[in-house]
């Protein structure tokens, strides 16, 4: 049903407000799903990795959010109308899509809790713990040091912080010997359990 496309780092897969034409299943790379205010401020709503679909949330037939490649990205593209027609004929695929949407809503709810209740250092610890677990699960990066693939600017946009606050929070976690940062800027998690505790990660 679909074809393969590639995007370079920082290229846009789809823009909020454009008429929806395709949805995308990521094969390689990381995509930031975001929304930008009129004054240019951006809130990253989610980070999507291989195995995830993006571009399926719409508002009146238009993309609800923007999808930007944070790394080089390769994805399968599907025509939305043909995809919807196919799903209508295959209930098992429809059930899988509902499950994916449910998971997305849970992640959005958790991010709302993080932004609303956690202090800045707790937010950064939460991010590092969750991104490490996600990368390991999806085979993005399993080795130490942890290569984040995104800069502190994107982390700030995701956590609702300034770049300076992200840097200070990383410094605090370093001083507590929870993480270390190597010369290349990559993160070494020295104590994963303490990182989870610092980020109030449940379970």
N, C-alpha and C. Protein backbone atom coordinates (compact mmCIF):
# COMPACT_ATOMS: atom_id res chain seq x y z
N UNK A 1 0.81 -1.22 0.00
CA UNK A 1 0.00 0.00 0.00
C UNK A 1 0.84 1.26 0.00
N UNK A 2 2.03 1.18 0.53
CA UNK A 2 2.82 2.40 0.71
C UNK A 2 4.16 2.34 0.03
N UNK A 3 4.83 3.50 0.00
CA UNK A 3 6.18 3.59 -0.53
C UNK A 3 7.14 4.06 0.53
N UNK A 4 8.42 3.99 0.26
CA UNK A 4 9.46 4.37 1.20
C UNK A 4 9.98 5.77 0.84
N UNK A 5 10.09 6.62 1.87
CA UNK A 5 10.66 7.95 1.67
C UNK A 5 11.71 8.23 2.75
N UNK A 6 12.63 9.14 2.42
CA UNK A 6 13.65 9.54 3.38
C UNK A 6 13.63 11.06 3.58
N UNK A 7 13.98 11.48 4.79
CA UNK A 7 14.12 12.89 5.12
C UNK A 7 15.45 13.09 5.84
N UNK A 8 16.08 14.23 5.58
CA UNK A 8 17.30 14.59 6.29
C UNK A 8 16.94 15.21 7.64
N UNK A 9 17.92 15.24 8.53
CA UNK A 9 17.71 15.84 9.86
C UNK A 9 17.16 17.26 9.72
N UNK A 10 16.15 17.57 10.51
CA UNK A 10 15.47 18.88 10.59
C UNK A 10 14.51 19.13 9.42
N UNK A 11 14.38 18.19 8.49
CA UNK A 11 13.36 18.35 7.45
C UNK A 11 11.99 18.01 8.02
N UNK A 12 10.94 18.58 7.41
CA UNK A 12 9.58 18.41 7.89
C UNK A 12 8.85 17.33 7.09
N UNK A 13 8.25 16.37 7.81
CA UNK A 13 7.47 15.33 7.15
C UNK A 13 6.09 15.87 6.78
N UNK A 14 5.50 16.62 7.71
CA UNK A 14 4.16 17.20 7.47
C UNK A 14 4.00 18.40 8.40
N UNK A 15 3.15 19.33 7.99
CA UNK A 15 2.96 20.57 8.74
C UNK A 15 1.54 20.66 9.30
N UNK A 16 1.44 21.19 10.52
CA UNK A 16 0.13 21.40 11.13
C UNK A 16 -0.68 22.37 10.27
N UNK A 17 -1.93 22.02 10.04
CA UNK A 17 -2.82 22.88 9.25
C UNK A 17 -2.88 22.52 7.78
N UNK A 18 -1.88 21.78 7.28
CA UNK A 18 -1.95 21.33 5.89
C UNK A 18 -2.99 20.23 5.75
N UNK A 19 -3.63 20.18 4.58
CA UNK A 19 -4.62 19.12 4.36
C UNK A 19 -3.94 17.77 4.43
N UNK A 20 -4.55 16.86 5.18
CA UNK A 20 -3.91 15.57 5.42
C UNK A 20 -3.91 14.75 4.12
N UNK A 21 -2.75 14.19 3.80
CA UNK A 21 -2.62 13.41 2.59
C UNK A 21 -2.06 12.04 2.84
N UNK A 22 -1.09 11.94 3.74
CA UNK A 22 -0.43 10.67 4.01
C UNK A 22 -0.20 10.51 5.50
N UNK A 23 -0.05 9.28 5.92
CA UNK A 23 0.45 9.00 7.26
C UNK A 23 1.72 8.18 7.10
N UNK A 24 2.51 8.11 8.16
CA UNK A 24 3.87 7.59 8.04
C UNK A 24 4.17 6.59 9.15
N UNK A 25 4.77 5.48 8.77
CA UNK A 25 5.27 4.50 9.75
C UNK A 25 6.79 4.55 9.71
N UNK A 26 7.39 4.93 10.83
CA UNK A 26 8.83 5.15 10.89
C UNK A 26 9.59 3.82 10.83
N UNK A 27 10.57 3.76 9.95
CA UNK A 27 11.45 2.60 9.83
C UNK A 27 12.80 2.87 10.48
N UNK A 28 13.31 4.09 10.30
CA UNK A 28 14.60 4.48 10.88
C UNK A 28 14.51 5.94 11.32
N UNK A 29 15.18 6.25 12.43
CA UNK A 29 15.26 7.64 12.86
C UNK A 29 14.23 8.03 13.91
N UNK A 30 14.24 9.32 14.25
CA UNK A 30 13.39 9.86 15.31
C UNK A 30 12.64 11.07 14.78
N UNK A 31 11.34 11.12 15.05
CA UNK A 31 10.49 12.23 14.61
C UNK A 31 9.91 12.94 15.83
N UNK A 32 9.97 14.26 15.84
CA UNK A 32 9.34 15.07 16.88
C UNK A 32 7.97 15.51 16.40
N UNK A 33 6.94 15.21 17.18
CA UNK A 33 5.58 15.66 16.89
C UNK A 33 5.35 16.90 17.75
N UNK A 34 5.05 18.04 17.12
CA UNK A 34 5.02 19.29 17.87
C UNK A 34 3.93 20.22 17.40
N UNK A 35 3.76 21.29 18.18
CA UNK A 35 2.85 22.36 17.83
C UNK A 35 3.57 23.67 18.13
N UNK A 36 3.43 24.65 17.23
CA UNK A 36 4.13 25.93 17.37
C UNK A 36 3.13 27.06 17.52
N UNK A 37 3.39 27.94 18.50
CA UNK A 37 2.54 29.10 18.71
C UNK A 37 2.86 30.18 17.68
N UNK A 38 1.99 31.17 17.60
CA UNK A 38 2.18 32.26 16.63
C UNK A 38 3.49 33.01 16.86
N UNK A 39 3.96 33.05 18.11
CA UNK A 39 5.19 33.79 18.41
C UNK A 39 6.45 32.94 18.23
N UNK A 40 6.28 31.71 17.73
CA UNK A 40 7.44 30.88 17.42
C UNK A 40 7.80 29.87 18.49
N UNK A 41 7.21 29.98 19.67
CA UNK A 41 7.49 29.00 20.71
C UNK A 41 6.92 27.64 20.31
N UNK A 42 7.69 26.59 20.61
CA UNK A 42 7.30 25.24 20.19
C UNK A 42 7.17 24.32 21.39
N UNK A 43 6.15 23.49 21.37
CA UNK A 43 6.01 22.43 22.37
C UNK A 43 6.07 21.10 21.64
N UNK A 44 7.09 20.31 21.94
CA UNK A 44 7.16 18.96 21.39
C UNK A 44 6.23 18.08 22.20
N UNK A 45 5.26 17.48 21.52
CA UNK A 45 4.24 16.67 22.19
C UNK A 45 4.70 15.23 22.38
N UNK A 46 5.54 14.75 21.47
CA UNK A 46 5.96 13.35 21.54
C UNK A 46 7.20 13.15 20.69
N UNK A 47 7.99 12.15 21.05
CA UNK A 47 9.12 11.70 20.24
C UNK A 47 8.77 10.31 19.74
N UNK A 48 8.80 10.15 18.43
CA UNK A 48 8.42 8.87 17.82
C UNK A 48 9.64 8.21 17.18
N UNK A 49 9.71 6.90 17.33
CA UNK A 49 10.88 6.12 16.93
C UNK A 49 10.43 4.97 16.03
N UNK A 50 11.40 4.17 15.49
CA UNK A 50 11.02 3.08 14.59
C UNK A 50 9.92 2.19 15.17
N UNK A 51 8.92 1.90 14.34
CA UNK A 51 7.77 1.13 14.76
C UNK A 51 6.54 1.98 15.01
N UNK A 52 6.75 3.30 15.25
CA UNK A 52 5.63 4.21 15.51
C UNK A 52 5.06 4.77 14.21
N UNK A 53 3.78 5.15 14.28
CA UNK A 53 3.12 5.86 13.18
C UNK A 53 2.93 7.32 13.56
N UNK A 54 3.08 8.21 12.59
CA UNK A 54 2.86 9.64 12.81
C UNK A 54 2.03 10.19 11.65
N UNK A 55 1.38 11.32 11.93
CA UNK A 55 0.61 11.97 10.88
C UNK A 55 -0.82 11.50 10.76
N UNK A 56 -1.30 10.69 11.73
CA UNK A 56 -2.67 10.19 11.63
C UNK A 56 -3.67 11.00 12.44
N UNK A 57 -3.18 11.90 13.31
CA UNK A 57 -4.10 12.74 14.07
C UNK A 57 -4.46 13.97 13.24
N UNK A 58 -5.75 14.18 13.04
CA UNK A 58 -6.16 15.30 12.20
C UNK A 58 -7.21 16.14 12.90
N UNK A 59 -7.38 17.36 12.40
CA UNK A 59 -8.40 18.28 12.87
C UNK A 59 -9.13 18.82 11.64
N UNK A 60 -10.37 18.35 11.43
CA UNK A 60 -11.16 18.76 10.27
C UNK A 60 -10.43 18.48 8.95
N UNK A 61 -9.81 17.30 8.88
CA UNK A 61 -9.16 16.90 7.65
C UNK A 61 -7.79 17.50 7.42
N UNK A 62 -7.24 18.14 8.46
CA UNK A 62 -5.90 18.74 8.36
C UNK A 62 -5.02 18.21 9.49
N UNK A 63 -3.73 18.16 9.22
CA UNK A 63 -2.81 17.65 10.25
C UNK A 63 -2.95 18.48 11.52
N UNK A 64 -3.10 17.80 12.66
CA UNK A 64 -3.26 18.49 13.94
C UNK A 64 -1.92 19.00 14.46
N UNK A 65 -0.84 18.31 14.09
CA UNK A 65 0.49 18.67 14.59
C UNK A 65 1.49 18.68 13.44
N UNK A 66 2.72 19.04 13.76
CA UNK A 66 3.81 19.00 12.79
C UNK A 66 4.74 17.85 13.11
N UNK A 67 5.28 17.23 12.09
CA UNK A 67 6.26 16.17 12.28
C UNK A 67 7.59 16.57 11.67
N UNK A 68 8.63 16.62 12.50
CA UNK A 68 9.96 17.03 12.04
C UNK A 68 10.97 15.93 12.33
N UNK A 69 11.85 15.68 11.37
CA UNK A 69 12.90 14.68 11.55
C UNK A 69 13.98 15.24 12.46
N UNK A 70 14.20 14.60 13.61
CA UNK A 70 15.28 15.02 14.51
C UNK A 70 16.60 14.38 14.11
N UNK A 71 16.51 13.28 13.36
CA UNK A 71 17.67 12.62 12.77
C UNK A 71 17.30 12.35 11.32
N UNK A 72 18.19 11.77 10.56
CA UNK A 72 17.77 11.27 9.25
C UNK A 72 16.68 10.22 9.48
N UNK A 73 15.62 10.29 8.68
CA UNK A 73 14.46 9.44 8.89
C UNK A 73 14.10 8.70 7.61
N UNK A 74 13.70 7.46 7.77
CA UNK A 74 13.13 6.68 6.68
C UNK A 74 11.77 6.16 7.15
N UNK A 75 10.75 6.31 6.32
CA UNK A 75 9.41 5.90 6.73
C UNK A 75 8.62 5.37 5.54
N UNK A 76 7.68 4.47 5.86
CA UNK A 76 6.68 4.05 4.87
C UNK A 76 5.58 5.11 4.86
N UNK A 77 5.17 5.52 3.67
CA UNK A 77 4.08 6.50 3.55
C UNK A 77 2.85 5.82 2.98
N UNK A 78 1.70 6.15 3.56
CA UNK A 78 0.44 5.55 3.14
C UNK A 78 -0.56 6.65 2.82
N UNK A 79 -1.25 6.53 1.70
CA UNK A 79 -2.34 7.45 1.40
C UNK A 79 -3.43 7.26 2.44
N UNK A 80 -3.84 8.37 3.08
CA UNK A 80 -4.77 8.27 4.21
C UNK A 80 -6.11 7.66 3.80
N UNK A 81 -6.65 8.07 2.66
CA UNK A 81 -7.96 7.55 2.26
C UNK A 81 -7.92 6.06 1.97
N UNK A 82 -6.88 5.62 1.26
CA UNK A 82 -6.75 4.19 0.97
C UNK A 82 -6.52 3.39 2.26
N UNK A 83 -5.72 3.98 3.16
CA UNK A 83 -5.45 3.31 4.43
C UNK A 83 -6.73 3.14 5.24
N UNK A 84 -7.52 4.21 5.34
CA UNK A 84 -8.78 4.15 6.09
C UNK A 84 -9.73 3.11 5.50
N UNK A 85 -9.78 3.06 4.17
CA UNK A 85 -10.65 2.07 3.51
C UNK A 85 -10.17 0.65 3.81
N UNK A 86 -8.86 0.46 3.83
CA UNK A 86 -8.30 -0.86 4.12
C UNK A 86 -8.60 -1.27 5.56
N UNK A 87 -8.44 -0.32 6.49
CA UNK A 87 -8.72 -0.59 7.90
C UNK A 87 -10.18 -0.99 8.09
N UNK A 88 -11.08 -0.32 7.36
CA UNK A 88 -12.52 -0.62 7.48
C UNK A 88 -12.82 -2.07 7.09
N UNK A 89 -11.99 -2.67 6.23
CA UNK A 89 -12.21 -4.04 5.77
C UNK A 89 -11.45 -5.06 6.61
N UNK A 90 -10.59 -4.60 7.51
CA UNK A 90 -9.76 -5.51 8.30
C UNK A 90 -9.85 -5.12 9.78
N UNK A 91 -10.82 -5.68 10.51
CA UNK A 91 -11.04 -5.31 11.92
C UNK A 91 -9.82 -5.49 12.81
N UNK A 92 -8.98 -6.51 12.52
CA UNK A 92 -7.81 -6.73 13.36
C UNK A 92 -6.83 -5.56 13.26
N UNK A 93 -6.70 -5.00 12.06
CA UNK A 93 -5.84 -3.83 11.88
C UNK A 93 -6.45 -2.61 12.58
N UNK A 94 -7.78 -2.49 12.49
CA UNK A 94 -8.47 -1.40 13.17
C UNK A 94 -8.26 -1.47 14.67
N UNK A 95 -8.29 -2.69 15.23
CA UNK A 95 -8.07 -2.87 16.67
C UNK A 95 -6.65 -2.49 17.06
N UNK A 96 -5.69 -2.83 16.20
CA UNK A 96 -4.30 -2.47 16.46
C UNK A 96 -4.11 -0.96 16.43
N UNK A 97 -4.82 -0.28 15.52
CA UNK A 97 -4.73 1.17 15.42
C UNK A 97 -5.33 1.82 16.67
N UNK A 98 -6.45 1.28 17.14
CA UNK A 98 -7.07 1.79 18.37
C UNK A 98 -6.11 1.63 19.55
N UNK A 99 -5.42 0.49 19.61
CA UNK A 99 -4.47 0.25 20.69
C UNK A 99 -3.31 1.25 20.62
N UNK A 100 -2.85 1.54 19.41
CA UNK A 100 -1.77 2.52 19.23
C UNK A 100 -2.22 3.91 19.67
N UNK A 101 -3.45 4.29 19.30
CA UNK A 101 -3.98 5.59 19.71
C UNK A 101 -4.14 5.66 21.22
N UNK A 102 -4.57 4.57 21.83
CA UNK A 102 -4.72 4.52 23.28
C UNK A 102 -3.38 4.72 23.97
N UNK A 103 -2.33 4.07 23.43
CA UNK A 103 -0.99 4.22 23.98
C UNK A 103 -0.51 5.67 23.85
N UNK A 104 -0.83 6.30 22.72
CA UNK A 104 -0.46 7.70 22.50
C UNK A 104 -1.13 8.60 23.52
N UNK A 105 -2.40 8.36 23.81
CA UNK A 105 -3.14 9.16 24.79
C UNK A 105 -2.54 9.00 26.18
N UNK A 106 -2.14 7.78 26.53
CA UNK A 106 -1.52 7.54 27.83
C UNK A 106 -0.21 8.31 27.96
N UNK A 107 0.59 8.30 26.88
CA UNK A 107 1.85 9.04 26.90
C UNK A 107 1.61 10.53 27.03
N UNK A 108 0.59 11.03 26.34
CA UNK A 108 0.27 12.46 26.42
C UNK A 108 -0.18 12.82 27.83
N UNK A 109 -0.96 11.94 28.45
CA UNK A 109 -1.40 12.19 29.82
C UNK A 109 -0.24 12.20 30.79
N UNK A 110 0.72 11.31 30.59
CA UNK A 110 1.89 11.27 31.46
C UNK A 110 2.74 12.51 31.28
N UNK A 111 2.89 12.97 30.04
CA UNK A 111 3.66 14.19 29.79
C UNK A 111 3.00 15.38 30.46
N UNK A 112 1.67 15.44 30.44
CA UNK A 112 0.95 16.52 31.10
C UNK A 112 1.25 16.53 32.60
N UNK A 113 1.30 15.34 33.21
CA UNK A 113 1.64 15.23 34.62
C UNK A 113 3.06 15.71 34.88
N UNK A 114 3.99 15.30 34.02
CA UNK A 114 5.39 15.69 34.17
C UNK A 114 5.52 17.21 34.09
N UNK A 115 4.89 17.82 33.08
CA UNK A 115 5.00 19.26 32.90
C UNK A 115 4.30 20.04 34.01
N UNK A 116 3.23 19.46 34.53
CA UNK A 116 2.44 20.19 35.52
C UNK A 116 2.93 20.04 36.95
N UNK A 117 3.59 18.93 37.27
CA UNK A 117 3.89 18.65 38.67
C UNK A 117 5.38 18.53 39.00
N UNK A 118 6.20 18.10 38.06
CA UNK A 118 7.60 17.85 38.39
C UNK A 118 8.45 19.11 38.27
N UNK A 119 9.45 19.20 39.15
CA UNK A 119 10.43 20.28 39.08
C UNK A 119 11.36 20.03 37.90
N UNK A 120 12.16 21.04 37.57
CA UNK A 120 12.97 20.96 36.35
C UNK A 120 13.92 19.77 36.35
N UNK A 121 14.65 19.55 37.44
CA UNK A 121 15.61 18.43 37.48
C UNK A 121 14.87 17.10 37.43
N UNK A 122 13.69 17.03 38.06
CA UNK A 122 12.88 15.82 37.99
C UNK A 122 12.43 15.56 36.56
N UNK A 123 12.08 16.62 35.84
CA UNK A 123 11.65 16.45 34.44
C UNK A 123 12.79 15.89 33.59
N UNK A 124 13.99 16.43 33.77
CA UNK A 124 15.13 15.96 32.97
C UNK A 124 15.46 14.51 33.31
N UNK A 125 15.41 14.17 34.61
CA UNK A 125 15.66 12.78 35.01
C UNK A 125 14.60 11.86 34.41
N UNK A 126 13.34 12.28 34.44
CA UNK A 126 12.27 11.50 33.84
C UNK A 126 12.53 11.28 32.36
N UNK A 127 12.90 12.34 31.65
CA UNK A 127 13.17 12.25 30.23
C UNK A 127 14.29 11.25 29.94
N UNK A 128 15.40 11.35 30.66
CA UNK A 128 16.55 10.48 30.41
C UNK A 128 16.20 9.02 30.69
N UNK A 129 15.45 8.77 31.77
CA UNK A 129 15.06 7.40 32.09
C UNK A 129 14.13 6.82 31.04
N UNK A 130 13.15 7.61 30.63
CA UNK A 130 12.17 7.13 29.66
C UNK A 130 12.78 6.96 28.27
N UNK A 131 13.64 7.89 27.86
CA UNK A 131 14.22 7.80 26.52
C UNK A 131 15.20 6.62 26.45
N UNK A 132 15.91 6.36 27.55
CA UNK A 132 16.81 5.22 27.59
C UNK A 132 16.03 3.91 27.46
N UNK A 133 14.91 3.80 28.20
CA UNK A 133 14.08 2.59 28.12
C UNK A 133 13.47 2.43 26.74
N UNK A 134 13.01 3.55 26.15
CA UNK A 134 12.40 3.49 24.82
C UNK A 134 13.42 3.08 23.77
N UNK A 135 14.62 3.67 23.80
CA UNK A 135 15.65 3.34 22.82
C UNK A 135 16.05 1.87 22.92
N UNK A 136 16.12 1.36 24.15
CA UNK A 136 16.48 -0.04 24.33
C UNK A 136 15.39 -0.95 23.78
N UNK A 137 14.13 -0.62 24.08
CA UNK A 137 12.99 -1.43 23.62
C UNK A 137 12.91 -1.46 22.10
N UNK A 138 13.16 -0.32 21.46
CA UNK A 138 13.01 -0.24 20.00
C UNK A 138 14.34 -0.40 19.26
N UNK A 139 15.39 -0.76 20.00
CA UNK A 139 16.71 -1.03 19.40
C UNK A 139 17.27 0.21 18.69
N UNK A 140 16.98 1.38 19.23
CA UNK A 140 17.56 2.61 18.68
C UNK A 140 18.99 2.77 19.18
N UNK A 141 19.18 2.54 20.47
CA UNK A 141 20.50 2.66 21.07
C UNK A 141 20.48 1.91 22.39
N UNK A 142 21.20 0.81 22.46
CA UNK A 142 21.18 0.00 23.67
C UNK A 142 22.48 0.10 24.47
N UNK A 143 23.51 0.65 23.87
CA UNK A 143 24.82 0.67 24.51
C UNK A 143 25.02 1.95 25.31
N UNK A 144 25.93 1.89 26.27
CA UNK A 144 26.38 3.07 26.97
C UNK A 144 27.68 3.54 26.32
N UNK A 145 27.92 4.84 26.15
CA UNK A 145 27.05 5.92 26.60
C UNK A 145 25.78 6.04 25.76
N UNK A 146 24.75 6.63 26.36
CA UNK A 146 23.46 6.80 25.70
C UNK A 146 23.54 7.96 24.72
N UNK A 147 23.36 7.66 23.45
CA UNK A 147 23.34 8.69 22.43
C UNK A 147 21.90 9.17 22.28
N UNK A 148 21.64 10.41 22.70
CA UNK A 148 20.27 10.92 22.73
C UNK A 148 19.72 11.20 21.34
N UNK A 149 20.57 11.54 20.39
CA UNK A 149 20.17 11.87 19.02
C UNK A 149 19.43 13.21 18.93
N UNK A 150 19.24 13.88 20.04
CA UNK A 150 18.58 15.18 20.03
C UNK A 150 19.36 16.13 20.92
N UNK A 151 19.25 17.43 20.61
CA UNK A 151 19.98 18.43 21.36
C UNK A 151 19.21 18.95 22.56
N UNK A 152 19.88 19.78 23.35
CA UNK A 152 19.24 20.33 24.55
C UNK A 152 18.11 21.28 24.19
N UNK A 153 18.18 21.86 23.00
CA UNK A 153 17.08 22.73 22.56
C UNK A 153 15.80 21.92 22.41
N UNK A 154 15.89 20.73 21.79
CA UNK A 154 14.71 19.88 21.62
C UNK A 154 14.23 19.33 22.97
N UNK A 155 15.19 19.00 23.86
CA UNK A 155 14.79 18.54 25.19
C UNK A 155 14.01 19.62 25.92
N UNK A 156 14.48 20.87 25.79
CA UNK A 156 13.80 22.00 26.42
C UNK A 156 12.39 22.15 25.86
N UNK A 157 12.24 22.04 24.54
CA UNK A 157 10.92 22.16 23.91
C UNK A 157 9.99 21.02 24.35
N UNK A 158 10.55 19.87 24.62
CA UNK A 158 9.75 18.72 25.04
C UNK A 158 9.30 18.85 26.50
N UNK A 159 10.19 19.37 27.35
CA UNK A 159 9.91 19.42 28.78
C UNK A 159 9.38 20.77 29.25
N UNK A 160 9.21 21.71 28.33
CA UNK A 160 8.69 23.01 28.72
C UNK A 160 9.67 23.81 29.56
N UNK A 161 10.96 23.69 29.25
CA UNK A 161 12.01 24.38 30.00
C UNK A 161 12.85 25.23 29.05
N UNK A 162 13.75 26.02 29.61
CA UNK A 162 14.72 26.73 28.79
C UNK A 162 15.96 25.85 28.62
N UNK A 163 16.77 26.16 27.63
CA UNK A 163 18.00 25.40 27.41
C UNK A 163 18.91 25.51 28.63
N UNK A 164 18.97 26.71 29.22
CA UNK A 164 19.82 26.93 30.40
C UNK A 164 19.36 26.06 31.57
N UNK A 165 18.06 25.93 31.74
CA UNK A 165 17.53 25.11 32.84
C UNK A 165 17.83 23.64 32.60
N UNK A 166 17.73 23.19 31.37
CA UNK A 166 18.09 21.81 31.05
C UNK A 166 19.56 21.56 31.39
N UNK A 167 20.43 22.48 31.02
CA UNK A 167 21.86 22.33 31.30
C UNK A 167 22.13 22.29 32.80
N UNK A 168 21.47 23.18 33.56
CA UNK A 168 21.65 23.19 35.01
C UNK A 168 21.15 21.89 35.64
N UNK A 169 20.05 21.37 35.13
CA UNK A 169 19.49 20.13 35.67
C UNK A 169 20.41 18.95 35.39
N UNK A 170 20.98 18.91 34.21
CA UNK A 170 21.94 17.85 33.88
C UNK A 170 23.14 17.95 34.81
N UNK A 171 23.58 19.20 35.08
CA UNK A 171 24.69 19.41 36.01
C UNK A 171 24.38 18.89 37.41
N UNK A 172 23.16 19.09 37.87
CA UNK A 172 22.77 18.61 39.20
C UNK A 172 22.78 17.09 39.26
N UNK A 173 22.29 16.44 38.19
CA UNK A 173 22.30 14.98 38.15
C UNK A 173 23.72 14.44 38.10
N UNK A 174 24.62 15.17 37.43
CA UNK A 174 26.03 14.77 37.40
C UNK A 174 26.64 14.86 38.79
N UNK A 175 26.37 15.96 39.50
CA UNK A 175 26.95 16.15 40.84
C UNK A 175 26.44 15.11 41.83
N UNK A 176 25.27 14.58 41.57
CA UNK A 176 24.71 13.53 42.43
C UNK A 176 25.19 12.14 42.00
N UNK A 177 26.08 12.09 41.00
CA UNK A 177 26.64 10.84 40.49
C UNK A 177 25.56 9.88 39.98
N UNK A 178 24.50 10.46 39.41
CA UNK A 178 23.46 9.65 38.79
C UNK A 178 23.77 9.45 37.31
N UNK A 179 24.32 10.48 36.68
CA UNK A 179 24.73 10.40 35.28
C UNK A 179 26.12 11.00 35.13
N UNK A 180 26.73 10.76 33.99
CA UNK A 180 27.96 11.44 33.58
C UNK A 180 27.77 11.84 32.13
N UNK A 181 28.52 12.84 31.69
CA UNK A 181 28.46 13.28 30.30
C UNK A 181 29.86 13.22 29.72
N UNK A 182 30.03 12.48 28.63
CA UNK A 182 31.36 12.34 28.01
C UNK A 182 31.62 13.51 27.09
N UNK A 183 32.83 13.58 26.55
CA UNK A 183 33.24 14.72 25.75
C UNK A 183 32.36 14.96 24.53
N UNK A 184 31.82 13.89 23.97
CA UNK A 184 30.97 14.03 22.78
C UNK A 184 29.58 14.54 23.13
N UNK A 185 29.30 14.71 24.42
CA UNK A 185 27.99 15.18 24.84
C UNK A 185 27.00 14.07 25.14
N UNK A 186 27.42 12.83 24.94
CA UNK A 186 26.54 11.71 25.21
C UNK A 186 26.48 11.44 26.71
N UNK A 187 25.38 10.82 27.14
CA UNK A 187 25.11 10.62 28.56
C UNK A 187 25.44 9.19 28.97
N UNK A 188 26.09 9.05 30.11
CA UNK A 188 26.31 7.75 30.72
C UNK A 188 25.43 7.69 31.97
N UNK A 189 24.54 6.72 32.01
CA UNK A 189 23.69 6.55 33.18
C UNK A 189 24.44 5.69 34.19
N UNK A 190 24.83 6.29 35.31
CA UNK A 190 25.63 5.59 36.31
C UNK A 190 24.75 4.76 37.25
N UNK A 191 23.55 5.23 37.50
CA UNK A 191 22.64 4.53 38.41
C UNK A 191 21.22 4.69 37.89
N UNK A 192 20.76 3.68 37.15
CA UNK A 192 19.46 3.78 36.49
C UNK A 192 18.31 3.85 37.50
N UNK A 193 18.41 3.10 38.59
CA UNK A 193 17.33 3.11 39.59
C UNK A 193 17.22 4.48 40.25
N UNK A 194 18.35 5.08 40.58
CA UNK A 194 18.31 6.42 41.18
C UNK A 194 17.81 7.44 40.17
N UNK A 195 18.11 7.24 38.89
CA UNK A 195 17.60 8.14 37.86
C UNK A 195 16.08 8.04 37.78
N UNK A 196 15.55 6.82 37.83
CA UNK A 196 14.11 6.64 37.82
C UNK A 196 13.46 7.27 39.05
N UNK A 197 14.12 7.11 40.19
CA UNK A 197 13.60 7.72 41.42
C UNK A 197 13.60 9.24 41.32
N UNK A 198 14.68 9.79 40.77
CA UNK A 198 14.78 11.25 40.63
C UNK A 198 13.73 11.78 39.68
N UNK A 199 13.35 10.97 38.69
CA UNK A 199 12.35 11.40 37.71
C UNK A 199 10.94 10.98 38.04
N UNK A 200 10.76 10.39 39.23
CA UNK A 200 9.42 9.95 39.68
C UNK A 200 8.77 9.01 38.66
N UNK A 201 9.62 8.13 38.06
CA UNK A 201 9.12 7.18 37.08
C UNK A 201 8.44 6.04 37.81
N UNK A 202 7.17 5.80 37.50
CA UNK A 202 6.40 4.77 38.19
C UNK A 202 6.81 3.39 37.73
N UNK A 203 6.59 2.42 38.59
CA UNK A 203 6.84 1.02 38.20
C UNK A 203 8.27 0.68 38.39
